[in-house]
Amino acid sequence: MEDIRLIATDLDGTLIGSADEFPMYSEFRDRLMRMQRENDTAWAVITGRTFRSFREFFAPLKVMGLTPDVIIIRHAYIYTLGKFGYKPHVFWNLRILLLLWLDRMQSRRAIAEWHAVITRVSHGVRTVKRKRNRLWLRFNTEEAAAFAAAELGRRVDDFHHFRVFHYRKEVDVRSVPFTKGMSLSEMARHMGIDRENILAIGNGHNDISALDGSVAKFTGCPANSEAEVMSVVHESGGHIADHPSLRGVVEIVDATLGGTVSSSLPPSWEDPSNLDNPSSNRNAHRSHRGEKRRRNVFLVAAIAGTVLIVFASFDLLPGSGLIMKPVRMILSVVEKVVVKAFDIWRNV
């Protein structure tokens, strides 16, 4: 049995997934309790949520006896469980705050430089989106996109937080939270735990820095992970689960402890460079969602205005006269227009 002294799990999509996994929480709790008895294993949850959001979201699991020893919020800031609740790892949190600030300062300049280089040497490239933390380009051919992806891949090596995603004719350079791995490493150092005794589990791009094998010897990802995440876990020799979310987490723990780790990519896995950029679908969905929200706002405003006018017409509201004054003016204009139109029609 492997000597796991620290298990670190992502939250959304990994530890907490679909509602039908509710019975799995008792199984996961049993695994944690057994590991704690045998190896004094600590449990850490690493999430992009704020501290307040984490506490609210995690409250139901706390009732079931699941309480992590450490939490890392907003991908970076460490809180350890003490007698009076979670307390911040102050010096690390200040250090990571400075590091993130410096990285943000460099991002805009780097994006501008990369955009200028690629658009000069590549004909027919179109800029889909350019922000201080993202550069999304579309090329005429897949060969040109592959060349640009390779070139940008070399350039982002100097930055912690940029990753290059290649999809067919598109190259998407995005800022991806890189501090999960750094924070996990710092937490382990603080607790006196070596890399050889850490198991890290996650499913999203922001988990990659903790899953590449540099921080944790043992890694894993559930079946609902991003394709790039599966590729990283595959390369680091971790376990790629057959099941999603928490059921997959339990599978990863059992496989790691039992020495039955399988790093094989699932048959359904596809190289992202052969797929369309998923951001395109998300943007379309977001646009549709925004249009629907605007329609709802307009409908609510129309209903509220109608109700207000009805009450004011019966003098049931304070200032009913002021409310009805512009309404009566509009009705008067409409009446004149209708009468005029009727006269014209009658004389034809």
Protein backbone atom coordinates (compact mmCIF):
# COMPACT_ATOMS: atom_id res chain seq x y z
CA MET A 1 0.00 0.00 0.00
CA GLU A 2 1.30 3.45 -0.92
CA ASP A 3 2.15 5.83 1.92
CA ILE A 4 -0.17 8.78 1.25
CA ARG A 5 0.19 11.46 3.92
CA LEU A 6 -1.65 14.23 2.08
CA ILE A 7 -4.58 14.02 -0.33
CA ALA A 8 -5.55 17.21 -2.17
CA THR A 9 -8.80 17.43 -4.10
CA ASP A 10 -10.45 20.03 -6.26
CA LEU A 11 -14.02 20.97 -5.25
CA ASP A 12 -16.42 21.83 -8.10
CA GLY A 13 -16.76 19.03 -10.62
CA THR A 14 -14.37 16.80 -8.69
CA LEU A 15 -15.48 16.44 -5.10
CA ILE A 16 -18.96 17.80 -5.77
CA GLY A 17 -20.66 16.76 -8.98
CA SER A 18 -24.09 15.39 -9.74
CA ALA A 19 -26.80 14.95 -7.12
CA ASP A 20 -26.98 11.17 -7.58
CA GLU A 21 -23.53 10.82 -5.98
CA PHE A 22 -24.88 11.63 -2.53
CA PRO A 23 -24.33 8.07 -1.19
CA MET A 24 -20.65 8.28 -2.23
CA TYR A 25 -19.83 10.83 0.47
CA SER A 26 -19.98 8.19 3.19
CA GLU A 27 -17.60 6.00 1.15
CA PHE A 28 -15.21 8.89 0.65
CA ARG A 29 -15.37 9.69 4.38
CA ASP A 30 -14.56 6.06 5.19
CA ARG A 31 -11.49 6.17 2.90
CA LEU A 32 -10.27 9.35 4.57
CA MET A 33 -10.76 7.95 8.07
CA ARG A 34 -8.89 4.77 7.17
CA MET A 35 -5.99 6.74 5.66
CA GLN A 36 -5.88 8.97 8.72
CA ARG A 37 -5.70 5.97 11.06
CA GLU A 38 -3.01 4.21 9.08
CA ASN A 39 -0.80 7.10 7.90
CA ASP A 40 -2.09 10.18 9.72
CA THR A 41 -3.17 11.44 6.28
CA ALA A 42 -4.30 15.06 6.00
CA TRP A 43 -6.94 16.23 3.54
CA ALA A 44 -6.84 19.50 1.61
CA VAL A 45 -9.49 21.05 -0.62
CA ILE A 46 -8.23 23.41 -3.33
CA THR A 47 -10.86 25.63 -4.91
CA GLY A 48 -11.32 28.81 -6.89
CA ARG A 49 -14.13 29.87 -4.58
CA THR A 50 -13.82 32.61 -1.98
CA PHE A 51 -13.65 31.69 1.69
CA ARG A 52 -17.28 32.66 2.28
CA SER A 53 -18.49 30.80 -0.81
CA PHE A 54 -16.55 27.71 0.24
CA ARG A 55 -18.11 27.66 3.71
CA GLU A 56 -21.64 28.03 2.34
CA PHE A 57 -21.12 25.46 -0.40
CA PHE A 58 -19.38 22.96 1.87
CA ALA A 59 -21.81 23.21 4.81
CA PRO A 60 -23.89 20.10 3.86
CA LEU A 61 -20.74 17.97 3.66
CA LYS A 62 -19.60 19.19 7.06
CA VAL A 63 -22.82 17.78 8.52
CA MET A 64 -21.80 14.40 7.06
CA GLY A 65 -18.48 14.49 8.91
CA LEU A 66 -16.34 15.75 6.05
CA THR A 67 -14.02 18.53 7.21
CA PRO A 68 -10.74 19.22 5.38
CA ASP A 69 -7.63 19.94 7.42
CA VAL A 70 -6.56 22.63 4.96
CA ILE A 71 -8.34 24.70 2.34
CA ILE A 72 -6.78 26.69 -0.47
CA ILE A 73 -9.21 29.32 -1.72
CA ARG A 74 -9.12 31.38 -4.91
CA HIS A 75 -6.57 28.86 -6.22
CA ALA A 76 -3.85 30.26 -3.98
CA TYR A 77 -4.56 31.34 -0.40
CA ILE A 78 -3.95 28.79 2.36
CA TYR A 79 -6.14 28.36 5.47
CA THR A 80 -5.44 25.65 8.05
CA LEU A 81 -7.97 24.21 10.48
CA GLY A 82 -7.38 25.18 14.09
CA LYS A 83 -9.21 25.06 17.39
CA PHE A 84 -11.33 28.07 16.49
CA GLY A 85 -11.83 27.33 12.80
CA TYR A 86 -9.73 28.08 9.73
CA LYS A 87 -6.90 30.57 10.08
CA PRO A 88 -4.88 32.09 7.21
CA HIS A 89 -1.30 31.23 6.39
CA VAL A 90 -0.49 34.95 6.55
CA PHE A 91 3.03 35.22 5.17
CA TRP A 92 2.37 32.86 2.25
CA ASN A 93 -0.88 34.63 1.39
CA LEU A 94 0.89 38.00 1.28
CA ARG A 95 3.67 36.54 -0.85
CA ILE A 96 1.24 34.98 -3.33
CA LEU A 97 -0.71 38.25 -3.51
CA LEU A 98 2.46 40.07 -4.58
CA LEU A 99 3.32 37.37 -7.12
CA LEU A 100 -0.12 37.54 -8.70
CA TRP A 101 0.07 41.32 -8.90
CA LEU A 102 3.44 41.20 -10.66
CA ASP A 103 2.15 38.60 -13.13
CA ARG A 104 -0.88 40.72 -13.97
CA MET A 105 1.40 43.68 -14.62
CA GLN A 106 3.36 41.66 -17.18
CA SER A 107 0.36 40.09 -18.90
CA ARG A 108 -0.81 43.01 -21.01
CA ARG A 109 2.65 43.66 -22.44
CA ALA A 110 3.21 39.99 -23.24
CA ILE A 111 -0.14 39.62 -25.03
CA ALA A 112 0.55 42.73 -27.13
CA GLU A 113 4.00 41.43 -28.11
CA TRP A 114 2.76 37.95 -29.05
CA HIS A 115 -0.12 39.41 -31.07
CA ALA A 116 2.25 41.65 -33.02
CA VAL A 117 4.67 38.80 -33.80
CA ILE A 118 2.05 36.30 -34.97
CA THR A 119 0.03 38.74 -37.07
CA ARG A 120 3.19 39.94 -38.83
CA VAL A 121 4.47 36.53 -39.87
CA SER A 122 1.14 34.82 -40.57
CA HIS A 123 -1.11 35.93 -43.43
CA GLY A 124 -4.86 35.54 -43.09
CA VAL A 125 -4.87 35.38 -39.31
CA ARG A 126 -7.91 36.92 -37.62
CA THR A 127 -8.02 38.15 -34.04
CA VAL A 128 -11.14 36.72 -32.41
CA LYS A 129 -10.44 38.18 -29.00
CA ARG A 130 -7.60 40.12 -27.44
CA LYS A 131 -7.61 41.09 -23.78
CA ARG A 132 -4.92 41.65 -21.17
CA ASN A 133 -5.09 37.99 -20.17
CA ARG A 134 -6.15 36.30 -23.40
CA LEU A 135 -5.27 36.09 -27.08
CA TRP A 136 -7.60 34.10 -29.34
CA LEU A 137 -6.57 33.80 -33.01
CA ARG A 138 -8.15 32.06 -36.00
CA PHE A 139 -6.05 30.96 -39.00
CA ASN A 140 -6.82 30.02 -42.58
CA THR A 141 -5.25 26.57 -42.28
CA GLU A 142 -4.66 24.00 -39.57
CA GLU A 143 -0.95 23.97 -40.45
CA ALA A 144 -0.64 27.69 -39.74
CA ALA A 145 -2.48 27.26 -36.45
CA ALA A 146 -0.19 24.40 -35.43
CA PHE A 147 2.90 26.48 -36.23
CA ALA A 148 1.56 29.44 -34.23
CA ALA A 149 0.68 27.18 -31.30
CA ALA A 150 4.22 25.80 -31.23
CA GLU A 151 5.74 29.27 -31.43
CA LEU A 152 3.53 30.67 -28.70
CA GLY A 153 4.14 27.57 -26.61
CA ARG A 154 7.84 28.43 -26.50
CA ARG A 155 7.11 32.02 -25.52
CA VAL A 156 4.71 31.26 -22.66
CA ASP A 157 7.34 29.11 -20.92
CA ASP A 158 8.62 32.28 -19.26
CA PHE A 159 5.24 32.89 -17.63
CA HIS A 160 3.57 30.97 -14.82
CA HIS A 161 -0.03 31.54 -15.75
CA PHE A 162 -0.34 31.39 -19.56
CA ARG A 163 -1.22 28.19 -21.41
CA VAL A 164 -1.63 27.64 -25.14
CA PHE A 165 -4.71 25.71 -26.32
CA HIS A 166 -4.76 24.54 -29.94
CA TYR A 167 -8.05 23.65 -31.64
CA ARG A 168 -7.98 22.91 -35.38
CA LYS A 169 -7.59 26.35 -36.98
CA GLU A 170 -7.63 28.27 -33.71
CA VAL A 171 -5.03 29.08 -31.09
CA ASP A 172 -6.23 30.30 -27.72
CA VAL A 173 -3.69 31.67 -25.24
CA ARG A 174 -5.42 31.97 -21.89
CA SER A 175 -4.46 32.94 -18.40
CA VAL A 176 -5.02 29.83 -16.30
CA PRO A 177 -4.63 29.91 -12.50
CA PHE A 178 -1.22 28.39 -11.85
CA THR A 179 -1.00 28.75 -8.10
CA LYS A 180 -2.74 25.54 -7.02
CA GLY A 181 0.47 23.62 -7.49
CA MET A 182 2.58 26.28 -5.80
CA SER A 183 0.22 26.53 -2.84
CA LEU A 184 0.00 22.75 -2.49
CA SER A 185 3.80 22.56 -2.47
CA GLU A 186 4.05 25.30 0.16
CA MET A 187 1.40 23.67 2.31
CA ALA A 188 3.19 20.30 2.13
CA ARG A 189 6.51 21.94 3.03
CA HIS A 190 4.87 23.64 6.00
CA MET A 191 3.44 20.28 7.13
CA GLY A 192 6.71 18.40 6.55
CA ILE A 193 5.27 16.16 3.80
CA ASP A 194 7.36 15.11 0.80
CA ARG A 195 6.21 15.00 -2.81
CA GLU A 196 6.41 11.17 -2.71
CA ASN A 197 3.59 11.13 -0.14
CA ILE A 198 1.05 13.41 -1.90
CA LEU A 199 -1.99 12.46 -3.99
CA ALA A 200 -3.56 15.31 -6.02
CA ILE A 201 -6.92 15.00 -7.81
CA GLY A 202 -8.62 17.52 -10.10
CA ASN A 203 -10.60 17.90 -13.33
CA GLY A 204 -10.11 21.42 -14.71
CA HIS A 205 -7.46 23.54 -16.38
CA ASN A 206 -6.81 25.37 -13.12
CA ASP A 207 -5.76 22.03 -11.56
CA ILE A 208 -3.00 21.30 -14.07
CA SER A 209 -0.22 22.86 -11.98
CA ALA A 210 -1.02 20.37 -9.21
CA LEU A 211 -1.34 17.37 -11.53
CA ASP A 212 1.80 17.50 -13.67
CA GLY A 213 3.84 15.36 -11.26
CA SER A 214 6.14 18.13 -10.06
CA VAL A 215 4.24 18.69 -6.81
CA ALA A 216 2.56 15.35 -6.14
CA LYS A 217 3.96 11.91 -7.03
CA PHE A 218 0.45 10.47 -7.26
CA THR A 219 -2.15 12.18 -9.40
CA GLY A 220 -5.60 11.43 -10.75
CA CYS A 221 -8.57 12.87 -12.57
CA PRO A 222 -12.22 11.79 -12.81
CA ALA A 223 -13.88 10.87 -16.10
CA ASN A 224 -15.50 14.32 -16.45
CA SER A 225 -12.10 16.04 -16.74
CA GLU A 226 -11.00 18.36 -19.53
CA ALA A 227 -9.08 16.65 -22.33
CA GLU A 228 -5.93 18.62 -21.52
CA VAL A 229 -6.16 17.53 -17.88
CA MET A 230 -6.40 13.87 -18.86
CA SER A 231 -3.35 14.32 -21.05
CA VAL A 232 -1.34 15.81 -18.16
CA VAL A 233 -2.38 13.02 -15.77
CA HIS A 234 -1.55 10.45 -18.46
CA GLU A 235 1.95 11.91 -18.85
CA SER A 236 2.52 12.08 -15.08
CA GLY A 237 1.54 8.43 -14.65
CA GLY A 238 -1.58 9.18 -12.63
CA HIS A 239 -4.89 7.36 -12.60
CA ILE A 240 -7.56 8.36 -15.12
CA ALA A 241 -10.85 7.21 -13.60
CA ASP A 242 -13.67 5.50 -15.43
CA HIS A 243 -16.23 7.34 -13.29
CA PRO A 244 -16.95 11.09 -12.98
CA SER A 245 -16.71 13.43 -9.98
CA LEU A 246 -16.75 11.91 -6.48
CA ARG A 247 -17.22 8.34 -7.69
CA GLY A 248 -14.08 8.87 -9.76
CA VAL A 249 -12.26 10.34 -6.74
CA VAL A 250 -13.00 7.22 -4.68
CA GLU A 251 -11.82 5.09 -7.61
CA ILE A 252 -8.56 7.07 -7.79
CA VAL A 253 -7.93 6.68 -4.05
CA ASP A 254 -8.55 2.93 -4.21
CA ALA A 255 -6.37 2.50 -7.31
CA THR A 256 -3.51 4.50 -5.79
CA LEU A 257 -3.59 2.68 -2.46
CA GLY A 258 -4.06 -0.70 -4.13
CA GLY A 259 -1.37 -0.26 -6.77
CA THR A 260 -3.81 -0.65 -9.67
CA VAL A 261 -3.27 2.76 -11.28
CA SER A 262 -4.21 3.02 -14.96
CA SER A 263 -2.89 5.98 -16.94
CA SER A 264 -4.51 4.93 -20.20
CA LEU A 265 -6.50 7.61 -21.96
CA PRO A 266 -10.16 6.57 -22.37
CA PRO A 267 -11.37 5.51 -25.83
CA SER A 268 -13.58 8.59 -25.95
CA TRP A 269 -10.61 10.94 -25.47
CA GLU A 270 -9.81 13.16 -28.43
CA ASP A 271 -6.83 15.37 -29.02
CA PRO A 272 -8.11 18.96 -28.52
CA SER A 273 -6.21 20.05 -31.64
CA ASN A 274 -8.70 17.97 -33.66
CA LEU A 275 -11.73 19.62 -32.03
CA ASP A 276 -13.44 23.00 -32.20
CA ASN A 277 -12.70 25.56 -29.54
CA PRO A 278 -15.27 24.99 -26.76
CA SER A 279 -15.17 28.71 -26.02
CA SER A 280 -17.13 29.29 -29.24
CA ASN A 281 -20.08 27.33 -27.88
CA ARG A 282 -19.81 28.98 -24.49
CA ASN A 283 -19.83 32.44 -26.06
CA ALA A 284 -22.88 31.56 -28.15
CA HIS A 285 -24.63 30.22 -25.07
CA ARG A 286 -23.66 33.32 -23.11
CA SER A 287 -25.02 35.59 -25.88
CA HIS A 288 -28.30 33.67 -25.94
CA ARG A 289 -28.49 33.82 -22.17
CA GLY A 290 -27.88 37.60 -22.23
CA GLU A 291 -30.62 38.10 -24.82
CA LYS A 292 -33.03 36.04 -22.72
CA ARG A 293 -32.13 38.07 -19.63
CA ARG A 294 -32.81 41.34 -21.48
CA ARG A 295 -36.21 40.05 -22.61
CA ASN A 296 -37.09 39.09 -19.07
CA VAL A 297 -36.07 42.50 -17.74
CA PHE A 298 -38.19 44.23 -20.39
CA LEU A 299 -41.18 41.99 -19.60
CA VAL A 300 -40.91 42.64 -15.86
CA ALA A 301 -40.61 46.39 -16.49
CA ALA A 302 -43.68 46.35 -18.76
CA ILE A 303 -45.75 44.45 -16.18
CA ALA A 304 -44.61 46.74 -13.36
CA GLY A 305 -45.43 49.83 -15.43
CA THR A 306 -48.89 48.52 -16.30
CA VAL A 307 -49.68 47.74 -12.67
CA LEU A 308 -48.45 51.19 -11.63
CA ILE A 309 -50.66 52.93 -14.19
CA VAL A 310 -53.72 50.88 -13.21
CA PHE A 311 -53.33 51.76 -9.53
CA ALA A 312 -52.64 55.40 -10.32
CA SER A 313 -55.73 55.63 -12.56
CA PHE A 314 -57.87 54.77 -9.51
CA ASP A 315 -55.94 57.28 -7.39
CA LEU A 316 -54.63 54.48 -5.12
CA LEU A 317 -51.01 55.66 -5.03
CA PRO A 318 -49.34 58.77 -3.60
CA GLY A 319 -48.71 61.17 -6.46
CA SER A 320 -51.21 59.45 -8.74
CA GLY A 321 -51.84 62.75 -10.53
CA LEU A 322 -48.16 63.16 -11.44
CA ILE A 323 -47.97 59.55 -12.62
CA MET A 324 -51.10 59.88 -14.79
CA LYS A 325 -50.20 63.26 -16.30
CA PRO A 326 -47.75 61.93 -18.95
CA VAL A 327 -50.03 58.92 -19.50
CA ARG A 328 -52.99 61.18 -20.25
CA MET A 329 -50.85 63.29 -22.61
CA ILE A 330 -49.82 60.14 -24.53
CA LEU A 331 -53.41 58.89 -24.65
CA SER A 332 -54.56 62.30 -25.92
CA VAL A 333 -52.00 62.23 -28.75
CA VAL A 334 -52.97 58.66 -29.65
CA GLU A 335 -56.66 59.60 -29.66
CA LYS A 336 -56.03 62.52 -32.04
CA VAL A 337 -54.00 60.32 -34.39
CA VAL A 338 -56.69 57.63 -34.42
CA VAL A 339 -59.49 60.20 -35.05
CA LYS A 340 -57.48 61.81 -37.84
CA ALA A 341 -56.80 58.43 -39.47
CA PHE A 342 -60.50 57.52 -39.21
CA ASP A 343 -61.54 60.81 -40.87
CA ILE A 344 -59.11 60.21 -43.74
CA TRP A 345 -60.36 56.67 -44.23
CA ARG A 346 -64.02 57.81 -44.17
CA ASN A 347 -63.39 60.50 -46.85
CA VAL A 348 -61.59 58.15 -49.20
